[in-house]
């Protein structure tokens, strides 16, 4: 239930949306206070794969440039499509 998937067309605001979601899930904490924490909580699905998801820190934002219909859906997860 705390999984957030971010799907954005390339060059359409991925980083902007990622920073907003990170800030919302970290009680307003700016991402530049701890860049290692920021990158640990915001990964790209195409880079880390399914195994990488198991080691990510929660709450996390999983971003992808894949089309939404190519990603498995779970009714308890949250999805943001830009």
Protein backbone atom coordinates (compact mmCIF):
# COMPACT_ATOMS: atom_id res chain seq x y z
CA UNK A 1 0.00 0.00 0.00
CA UNK A 2 2.92 2.41 0.34
CA UNK A 3 4.34 1.72 -3.14
CA UNK A 4 4.20 4.70 -5.49
CA UNK A 5 4.84 4.22 -9.20
CA UNK A 6 5.65 7.27 -11.31
CA UNK A 7 5.20 6.95 -15.08
CA UNK A 8 6.32 9.84 -17.22
CA UNK A 9 6.97 10.18 -20.93
CA UNK A 10 10.72 10.89 -21.41
CA UNK A 11 11.65 14.57 -21.12
CA UNK A 12 8.18 15.45 -19.78
CA UNK A 13 9.01 16.33 -16.16
CA UNK A 14 10.24 13.08 -14.62
CA UNK A 15 12.71 14.70 -12.23
CA UNK A 16 10.25 17.44 -11.28
CA UNK A 17 7.52 14.91 -10.45
CA UNK A 18 10.04 12.68 -8.66
CA UNK A 19 11.18 15.52 -6.37
CA UNK A 20 7.57 16.44 -5.55
CA UNK A 21 6.68 12.85 -4.64
CA UNK A 22 9.88 12.45 -2.59
CA UNK A 23 9.06 15.62 -0.65
CA UNK A 24 5.49 14.50 -0.01
CA UNK A 25 6.57 11.07 1.25
CA UNK A 26 9.26 12.55 3.53
CA UNK A 27 7.19 15.08 5.47
CA UNK A 28 8.32 18.07 3.40
CA UNK A 29 12.05 17.31 3.75
CA UNK A 30 13.99 18.82 0.86
CA UNK A 31 15.80 16.25 -1.25
CA UNK A 32 19.08 18.19 -1.23
CA UNK A 33 19.68 17.63 2.50
CA UNK A 34 20.77 14.04 1.89
CA UNK A 35 21.32 13.08 -1.74
CA UNK A 36 22.17 9.46 -0.85
CA UNK A 37 18.77 9.12 0.84
CA UNK A 38 17.07 10.75 -2.13
CA UNK A 39 18.58 8.28 -4.60
CA UNK A 40 17.87 5.32 -2.28
CA UNK A 41 14.17 6.24 -2.27
CA UNK A 42 13.76 7.13 -5.97
CA UNK A 43 14.93 4.51 -8.41
CA UNK A 44 14.23 3.81 -12.07
CA UNK A 45 12.52 0.47 -12.67
CA UNK A 46 14.40 -0.12 -15.93
CA UNK A 47 17.75 0.23 -14.11
CA UNK A 48 17.16 -1.80 -10.96
CA UNK A 49 14.66 -4.42 -12.13
CA UNK A 50 12.44 -6.54 -9.92
CA UNK A 51 15.31 -7.66 -7.66
CA UNK A 52 16.31 -4.06 -6.99
CA UNK A 53 12.84 -3.27 -5.70
CA UNK A 54 13.37 -5.69 -2.84
CA UNK A 55 16.30 -3.66 -1.48
CA UNK A 56 14.86 -0.16 -1.84
CA UNK A 57 14.10 1.92 1.26
CA UNK A 58 10.45 2.60 2.01
CA UNK A 59 8.56 4.74 1.35
CA UNK A 60 9.82 4.86 -2.19
CA UNK A 61 8.92 6.19 -5.60
CA UNK A 62 9.53 3.82 -8.50
CA UNK A 63 9.84 5.77 -11.71
CA UNK A 64 9.58 4.42 -15.23
CA UNK A 65 9.33 5.57 -18.81
CA UNK A 66 7.48 2.42 -19.83
CA UNK A 67 3.88 2.82 -20.95
CA UNK A 68 1.42 2.34 -18.10
CA UNK A 69 -0.19 -0.68 -19.77
CA UNK A 70 3.20 -2.48 -19.71
CA UNK A 71 3.43 -2.38 -15.92
CA UNK A 72 1.71 -4.90 -13.63
CA UNK A 73 -1.13 -3.34 -11.69
CA UNK A 74 -1.88 -3.84 -8.00
CA UNK A 75 -4.99 -2.30 -6.48
CA UNK A 76 -3.19 -1.27 -3.26
CA UNK A 77 -0.30 0.55 -4.97
CA UNK A 78 -0.48 4.19 -5.99
CA UNK A 79 0.20 5.29 -9.56
CA UNK A 80 1.05 8.73 -10.86
CA UNK A 81 1.01 9.18 -14.63
CA UNK A 82 2.31 12.40 -16.17
